[in-house]
Amino acid sequence: MKKGDKYICYFCGERRRSSKGRPPEGNCPKSSEFKHHLWIDDKRVSQRLRKAFRERIAEPLSAGQMCSIGKYYANAQQMEKSMEWYRKAAEAEDMEAILTIGSAYVEGSGVTKDIGEAIKWYQNAANNGNRYAKKVMLEFHEKYSTGATLEYVKQEADKGELKAVLLLARSYESGKGIAQDKTKALGLYRQVAEKVTIGPSFMIGGAMIGGGGLWDGIIMDVLVQTNENNVYDMVRRGYAFEHGTHGVEQDKNEALKWYQKAADAGDSYAMFALGNEYAREENKDEEKALMWYRKAAEVGLELVMKERKKWASPDIEYLDN
């Protein structure tokens, strides 16, 4: 505190100037068991709070007010004092306080760093429906794989949360923190595969899972059982056979078969892939390559022309040679 600055008590609203760098001593009538005033720089207090202080609101401190005091001490780099107030707010089941304490244990801020303790706080928040805490708990299992995180993952997997199902499958596959059981792992991977391979993006499975292990052998098995008339499934199969991924050997002829079916159904990616295949040395056919590139371009142009008015740009020239 600087000499001469004005301060206001958070509890009772009394205002004083500092004397020799600090306010006068004295007990605060509204601070309950803490007895003393909590002085805050008057310039940092909002008009709404200043009015409340001046009116001497007598109600007990709310959890939100306790969090505010915790923030005040945190900004003053008095982390232990900050944690005292956040704990009081957490006792009132304040979600901000619970998450803040969990984060403090992760970082070792105002408390001794303790991941096990952090997990307890985040699990409390997750069990009370906090979406951020749920995400953190799954991340904790990926990183630390403790008994507490495993139980949480099982709980979420039972609810059908795909990320949790995937993590549980990985745990059974690796045997980390749980008895290894590849049969259970395969069953759980299948649950995920049946969900993430539906839709226009074949790569969503690879992006979510990261590939490897039992997962690669599941994808194609699931795709084989999907509707053969689904154009996206045709493209996925073509892609897998073209690159030799997801449990199948590379087979360019099989890739061409599935790309052809998808292209005949009007899929532009399959048309472009066919153009690439016929442009390569092993299947060299310049006439077919040009034909499929042109068809892919025509489909693409049609989509572009539909959006052209939105772009406010000149007409697009299309050269078919």
Protein backbone atom coordinates (compact mmCIF):
# COMPACT_ATOMS: atom_id res chain seq x y z
CA MET A 1 0.00 0.00 0.00
CA LYS A 2 1.23 3.46 -0.83
CA LYS A 3 1.05 6.24 1.73
CA GLY A 4 -2.09 8.32 1.26
CA ASP A 5 -3.92 5.83 -1.00
CA LYS A 6 -7.59 5.11 -0.32
CA TYR A 7 -8.72 1.61 0.60
CA ILE A 8 -12.08 0.01 1.25
CA CYS A 9 -12.86 -3.00 3.44
CA TYR A 10 -14.36 -5.89 1.49
CA PHE A 11 -16.43 -6.97 4.49
CA CYS A 12 -17.89 -3.82 5.99
CA GLY A 13 -17.27 -1.10 3.40
CA GLU A 14 -15.28 1.17 5.72
CA ARG A 15 -12.95 3.44 3.77
CA ARG A 16 -9.60 4.73 5.04
CA ARG A 17 -6.40 6.26 3.82
CA SER A 18 -3.21 4.38 4.41
CA SER A 19 -0.98 5.59 7.20
CA LYS A 20 2.71 4.98 6.71
CA GLY A 21 1.88 2.62 3.89
CA ARG A 22 -0.88 0.69 5.65
CA PRO A 23 -4.34 1.37 7.11
CA PRO A 24 -4.90 1.76 10.83
CA GLU A 25 -5.34 -1.30 12.99
CA GLY A 26 -8.82 -2.35 14.10
CA ASN A 27 -11.35 -5.13 14.12
CA CYS A 28 -13.97 -5.46 11.40
CA PRO A 29 -17.55 -5.97 12.62
CA LYS A 30 -18.55 -7.94 9.49
CA SER A 31 -15.58 -10.26 8.99
CA SER A 32 -16.87 -13.09 11.17
CA GLU A 33 -14.06 -15.31 12.50
CA PHE A 34 -11.40 -13.39 10.54
CA LYS A 35 -11.86 -10.32 12.81
CA HIS A 36 -9.76 -7.95 10.71
CA HIS A 37 -10.60 -5.73 7.75
CA LEU A 38 -9.75 -6.93 4.26
CA TRP A 39 -8.44 -3.83 2.55
CA ILE A 40 -8.84 -3.50 -1.23
CA ASP A 41 -7.55 -0.70 -3.42
CA ASP A 42 -10.57 1.58 -3.76
CA LYS A 43 -9.72 2.28 -7.40
CA ARG A 44 -10.10 -1.43 -8.24
CA VAL A 45 -13.63 -1.75 -6.85
CA SER A 46 -16.59 -1.51 -9.26
CA GLN A 47 -19.34 1.04 -8.69
CA ARG A 48 -21.81 -1.75 -7.92
CA LEU A 49 -19.61 -3.29 -5.22
CA ARG A 50 -18.69 0.10 -3.78
CA LYS A 51 -22.39 0.87 -3.34
CA ALA A 52 -22.92 -2.48 -1.64
CA PHE A 53 -19.99 -1.87 0.69
CA ARG A 54 -21.24 1.58 1.61
CA GLU A 55 -24.69 0.21 2.41
CA ARG A 56 -23.01 -2.24 4.82
CA ILE A 57 -24.69 -5.39 3.52
CA ALA A 58 -24.88 -7.69 6.53
CA GLU A 59 -25.51 -11.09 4.89
CA PRO A 60 -22.85 -13.81 5.24
CA LEU A 61 -20.29 -13.94 2.46
CA SER A 62 -21.47 -15.84 -0.60
CA ALA A 63 -19.32 -18.43 -2.37
CA GLY A 64 -18.86 -15.93 -5.19
CA GLN A 65 -17.57 -13.31 -2.76
CA MET A 66 -15.16 -15.85 -1.26
CA CYS A 67 -13.86 -16.57 -4.77
CA SER A 68 -13.42 -12.84 -5.31
CA ILE A 69 -11.28 -12.65 -2.18
CA GLY A 70 -9.32 -15.67 -3.43
CA LYS A 71 -8.69 -13.85 -6.72
CA TYR A 72 -7.64 -10.73 -4.86
CA TYR A 73 -4.98 -12.61 -2.90
CA ALA A 74 -3.89 -14.50 -6.04
CA ASN A 75 -3.36 -11.19 -7.85
CA ALA A 76 -1.33 -10.04 -4.85
CA GLN A 77 0.79 -13.21 -5.22
CA GLN A 78 -0.33 -14.43 -1.79
CA MET A 79 -1.18 -17.90 -3.07
CA GLU A 80 -1.57 -19.71 0.25
CA LYS A 81 -4.01 -17.07 1.47
CA SER A 82 -5.81 -17.31 -1.87
CA MET A 83 -6.22 -21.05 -1.45
CA GLU A 84 -7.73 -20.58 2.02
CA TRP A 85 -10.55 -18.56 0.51
CA TYR A 86 -11.05 -20.86 -2.47
CA ARG A 87 -11.38 -23.80 -0.07
CA LYS A 88 -14.11 -21.97 1.83
CA ALA A 89 -15.95 -21.33 -1.45
CA ALA A 90 -15.46 -24.98 -2.44
CA GLU A 91 -17.11 -26.07 0.83
CA ALA A 92 -20.16 -24.20 -0.48
CA GLU A 93 -19.85 -26.31 -3.67
CA ASP A 94 -18.77 -23.37 -5.82
CA MET A 95 -17.64 -24.85 -9.17
CA GLU A 96 -15.13 -22.09 -9.93
CA ALA A 97 -13.43 -22.72 -6.59
CA ILE A 98 -13.34 -26.49 -7.08
CA LEU A 99 -11.75 -26.17 -10.53
CA THR A 100 -9.28 -23.56 -9.28
CA ILE A 101 -8.10 -25.81 -6.45
CA GLY A 102 -7.75 -28.74 -8.86
CA SER A 103 -5.64 -26.59 -11.16
CA ALA A 104 -3.55 -25.40 -8.19
CA TYR A 105 -2.63 -29.01 -7.34
CA VAL A 106 -1.62 -29.65 -10.94
CA GLU A 107 0.64 -26.60 -11.01
CA GLY A 108 1.75 -26.54 -7.38
CA SER A 109 0.39 -23.02 -6.95
CA GLY A 110 -0.22 -22.20 -3.27
CA VAL A 111 -0.18 -25.93 -2.46
CA THR A 112 2.26 -28.80 -2.89
CA LYS A 113 1.95 -30.26 -6.39
CA ASP A 114 -0.11 -33.45 -6.13
CA ILE A 115 -1.75 -35.04 -9.19
CA GLY A 116 -3.69 -37.48 -7.03
CA GLU A 117 -5.25 -34.59 -5.11
CA ALA A 118 -5.92 -32.72 -8.36
CA ILE A 119 -7.79 -35.75 -9.70
CA LYS A 120 -10.03 -35.75 -6.60
CA TRP A 121 -11.04 -32.13 -7.17
CA TYR A 122 -11.63 -32.51 -10.90
CA GLN A 123 -13.57 -35.72 -10.35
CA ASN A 124 -15.80 -33.86 -7.89
CA ALA A 125 -16.52 -31.26 -10.56
CA ALA A 126 -17.00 -33.89 -13.28
CA ASN A 127 -19.44 -35.87 -11.16
CA ASN A 128 -21.43 -32.66 -10.77
CA GLY A 129 -21.72 -32.31 -14.55
CA ASN A 130 -18.95 -29.84 -15.36
CA ARG A 131 -17.97 -30.45 -19.00
CA TYR A 132 -14.47 -29.04 -18.67
CA ALA A 133 -13.74 -31.28 -15.67
CA LYS A 134 -14.99 -34.32 -17.62
CA LYS A 135 -12.55 -33.52 -20.41
CA VAL A 136 -9.70 -33.09 -17.92
CA MET A 137 -10.46 -36.42 -16.24
CA LEU A 138 -10.17 -38.24 -19.56
CA GLU A 139 -6.91 -36.42 -20.26
CA PHE A 140 -5.64 -37.43 -16.82
CA HIS A 141 -6.34 -41.07 -17.65
CA GLU A 142 -4.41 -40.79 -20.91
CA LYS A 143 -1.47 -39.23 -19.10
CA TYR A 144 -1.42 -40.88 -15.67
CA SER A 145 -3.80 -43.88 -15.78
CA THR A 146 -4.57 -44.11 -12.05
CA GLY A 147 -7.16 -46.27 -10.34
CA ALA A 148 -9.40 -43.22 -9.86
CA THR A 149 -9.22 -42.18 -13.50
CA LEU A 150 -9.86 -45.76 -14.65
CA GLU A 151 -13.03 -45.94 -12.58
CA TYR A 152 -14.15 -42.62 -14.03
CA VAL A 153 -13.43 -43.83 -17.57
CA LYS A 154 -15.47 -47.00 -16.96
CA GLN A 155 -18.33 -44.90 -15.62
CA GLU A 156 -18.32 -42.68 -18.73
CA ALA A 157 -17.87 -45.62 -21.10
CA ASP A 158 -21.00 -47.21 -19.62
CA LYS A 159 -22.84 -44.03 -20.58
CA GLY A 160 -21.64 -44.39 -24.20
CA GLU A 161 -19.04 -41.58 -24.19
CA LEU A 162 -16.90 -42.56 -27.19
CA LYS A 163 -13.67 -41.04 -25.95
CA ALA A 164 -14.04 -42.97 -22.70
CA VAL A 165 -14.84 -46.20 -24.58
CA LEU A 166 -11.68 -45.69 -26.63
CA LEU A 167 -9.53 -45.05 -23.55
CA LEU A 168 -10.93 -48.13 -21.84
CA ALA A 169 -10.16 -50.19 -24.94
CA ARG A 170 -6.58 -48.91 -24.91
CA SER A 171 -6.26 -49.80 -21.24
CA TYR A 172 -7.44 -53.37 -21.87
CA GLU A 173 -5.11 -53.66 -24.87
CA SER A 174 -2.02 -52.41 -23.02
CA GLY A 175 -2.85 -53.89 -19.61
CA LYS A 176 -1.85 -50.60 -18.01
CA GLY A 177 -3.64 -50.29 -14.65
CA ILE A 178 -5.97 -53.18 -15.48
CA ALA A 179 -5.70 -56.87 -16.37
CA GLN A 180 -4.86 -57.15 -20.07
CA ASP A 181 -7.81 -58.45 -22.08
CA LYS A 182 -7.55 -58.11 -25.86
CA THR A 183 -10.96 -59.64 -26.43
CA LYS A 184 -12.59 -56.85 -24.39
CA ALA A 185 -10.37 -54.32 -26.14
CA LEU A 186 -11.56 -55.50 -29.55
CA GLY A 187 -15.20 -55.31 -28.51
CA LEU A 188 -14.76 -51.75 -27.26
CA TYR A 189 -12.80 -50.68 -30.35
CA ARG A 190 -15.67 -52.01 -32.45
CA GLN A 191 -18.12 -49.76 -30.57
CA VAL A 192 -16.00 -46.75 -31.47
CA ALA A 193 -15.37 -47.85 -35.05
CA GLU A 194 -19.06 -48.31 -35.75
CA LYS A 195 -19.60 -44.67 -34.79
CA VAL A 196 -16.57 -42.81 -36.16
CA THR A 197 -16.54 -44.47 -39.59
CA ILE A 198 -20.02 -43.17 -40.35
CA GLY A 199 -20.02 -39.88 -42.28
CA PRO A 200 -18.08 -38.23 -45.11
CA SER A 201 -14.62 -38.33 -43.57
CA PHE A 202 -12.81 -41.67 -43.63
CA MET A 203 -9.89 -40.10 -41.79
CA ILE A 204 -11.94 -39.21 -38.71
CA GLY A 205 -11.19 -42.65 -37.31
CA GLY A 206 -7.45 -42.30 -37.80
CA ALA A 207 -7.43 -38.74 -36.48
CA MET A 208 -9.30 -39.65 -33.31
CA ILE A 209 -7.56 -42.92 -32.60
CA GLY A 210 -4.04 -42.23 -33.76
CA GLY A 211 -3.81 -45.68 -35.41
CA GLY A 212 -1.86 -48.71 -34.34
CA GLY A 213 -2.54 -51.85 -32.33
CA LEU A 214 -5.84 -53.64 -32.58
CA TRP A 215 -7.58 -50.55 -33.99
CA ASP A 216 -6.16 -50.96 -37.51
CA GLY A 217 -7.65 -54.42 -37.81
CA ILE A 218 -11.11 -53.28 -36.77
CA ILE A 219 -11.90 -50.55 -39.32
CA MET A 220 -12.07 -52.64 -42.46
CA ASP A 221 -13.94 -55.40 -40.66
CA VAL A 222 -16.60 -52.86 -39.70
CA LEU A 223 -16.69 -51.29 -43.16
CA VAL A 224 -17.27 -54.65 -44.81
CA GLN A 225 -20.48 -54.92 -42.82
CA THR A 226 -21.75 -51.47 -43.76
CA ASN A 227 -24.12 -50.70 -46.58
CA GLU A 228 -22.32 -51.34 -49.88
CA ASN A 229 -24.53 -48.76 -51.58
CA ASN A 230 -23.19 -45.99 -49.33
CA VAL A 231 -20.85 -43.91 -51.50
CA TYR A 232 -18.73 -42.84 -48.54
CA ASP A 233 -18.14 -46.46 -47.57
CA MET A 234 -17.00 -47.16 -51.13
CA VAL A 235 -14.48 -44.31 -50.93
CA ARG A 236 -13.21 -45.48 -47.54
CA ARG A 237 -12.60 -48.97 -48.85
CA GLY A 238 -10.86 -47.63 -51.92
CA TYR A 239 -8.62 -45.48 -49.74
CA ALA A 240 -7.75 -48.37 -47.44
CA PHE A 241 -6.82 -50.68 -50.34
CA GLU A 242 -4.92 -47.90 -52.13
CA HIS A 243 -2.69 -47.22 -49.11
CA GLY A 244 -2.70 -50.64 -47.41
CA THR A 245 -4.10 -49.31 -44.15
CA HIS A 246 -6.61 -50.38 -41.50
CA GLY A 247 -6.11 -54.10 -41.60
CA VAL A 248 -5.88 -54.76 -45.36
CA GLU A 249 -2.95 -55.33 -47.70
CA GLN A 250 -2.30 -52.75 -50.39
CA ASP A 251 -4.19 -53.80 -53.51
CA LYS A 252 -4.45 -51.21 -56.29
CA ASN A 253 -6.90 -53.30 -58.32
CA GLU A 254 -9.25 -53.58 -55.35
CA ALA A 255 -8.84 -49.84 -54.77
CA LEU A 256 -9.76 -49.14 -58.41
CA LYS A 257 -12.87 -51.31 -58.07
CA TRP A 258 -14.20 -49.37 -55.08
CA TYR A 259 -13.21 -45.96 -56.46
CA GLN A 260 -14.98 -46.87 -59.71
CA LYS A 261 -18.19 -47.73 -57.85
CA ALA A 262 -18.04 -44.47 -55.90
CA ALA A 263 -17.23 -42.43 -59.02
CA ASP A 264 -20.15 -43.97 -60.89
CA ALA A 265 -22.30 -42.87 -57.96
CA GLY A 266 -21.08 -39.28 -58.47
CA ASP A 267 -18.36 -38.89 -55.82
CA SER A 268 -15.80 -36.27 -56.94
CA TYR A 269 -12.99 -37.52 -54.69
CA ALA A 270 -13.30 -41.00 -56.21
CA MET A 271 -13.19 -39.47 -59.70
CA PHE A 272 -10.01 -37.58 -58.81
CA ALA A 273 -8.49 -40.72 -57.25
CA LEU A 274 -9.22 -42.66 -60.43
CA GLY A 275 -7.50 -39.94 -62.46
CA ASN A 276 -4.44 -40.30 -60.22
CA GLU A 277 -4.42 -44.08 -60.57
CA TYR A 278 -4.62 -43.98 -64.36
CA ALA A 279 -1.89 -41.31 -64.47
CA ARG A 280 0.58 -43.59 -62.66
CA GLU A 281 2.99 -45.81 -64.55
CA GLU A 282 1.56 -49.12 -63.33
CA ASN A 283 -1.94 -48.31 -64.69
CA LYS A 284 -0.93 -45.77 -67.34
CA ASP A 285 -3.92 -44.71 -69.44
CA GLU A 286 -3.78 -41.02 -70.29
CA GLU A 287 -7.21 -41.00 -71.92
CA LYS A 288 -8.91 -42.46 -68.84
CA ALA A 289 -6.87 -40.21 -66.51
CA LEU A 290 -7.94 -37.10 -68.43
CA MET A 291 -11.56 -38.25 -68.52
CA TRP A 292 -11.75 -38.76 -64.76
CA TYR A 293 -9.89 -35.52 -63.99
CA ARG A 294 -12.37 -33.69 -66.24
CA LYS A 295 -15.37 -35.34 -64.54
CA ALA A 296 -14.01 -34.44 -61.12
CA ALA A 297 -13.46 -30.85 -62.28
CA GLU A 298 -16.99 -30.63 -63.68
CA VAL A 299 -18.49 -31.76 -60.39
CA GLY A 300 -16.24 -29.31 -58.55
CA LEU A 301 -17.15 -26.49 -60.92
CA GLU A 302 -20.85 -27.08 -60.35
CA LEU A 303 -20.34 -26.64 -56.61
CA VAL A 304 -18.26 -23.49 -57.17
CA MET A 305 -20.84 -21.93 -59.46
CA LYS A 306 -23.56 -22.43 -56.85
CA GLU A 307 -21.50 -20.37 -54.41
CA ARG A 308 -20.25 -17.78 -56.93
CA LYS A 309 -22.84 -15.11 -56.10
CA LYS A 310 -21.75 -15.14 -52.47
CA TRP A 311 -18.19 -14.34 -53.49
CA ALA A 312 -19.16 -11.25 -55.59
CA SER A 313 -16.39 -12.18 -58.01
CA PRO A 314 -16.28 -12.21 -61.85
CA ASP A 315 -17.56 -15.22 -63.77
CA ILE A 316 -15.25 -18.21 -63.57
CA GLU A 317 -13.84 -19.46 -66.85
CA TYR A 318 -13.71 -23.19 -67.26
CA LEU A 319 -11.34 -24.75 -69.80
CA ASP A 320 -12.19 -28.35 -70.61
CA ASN A 321 -8.97 -28.98 -72.53
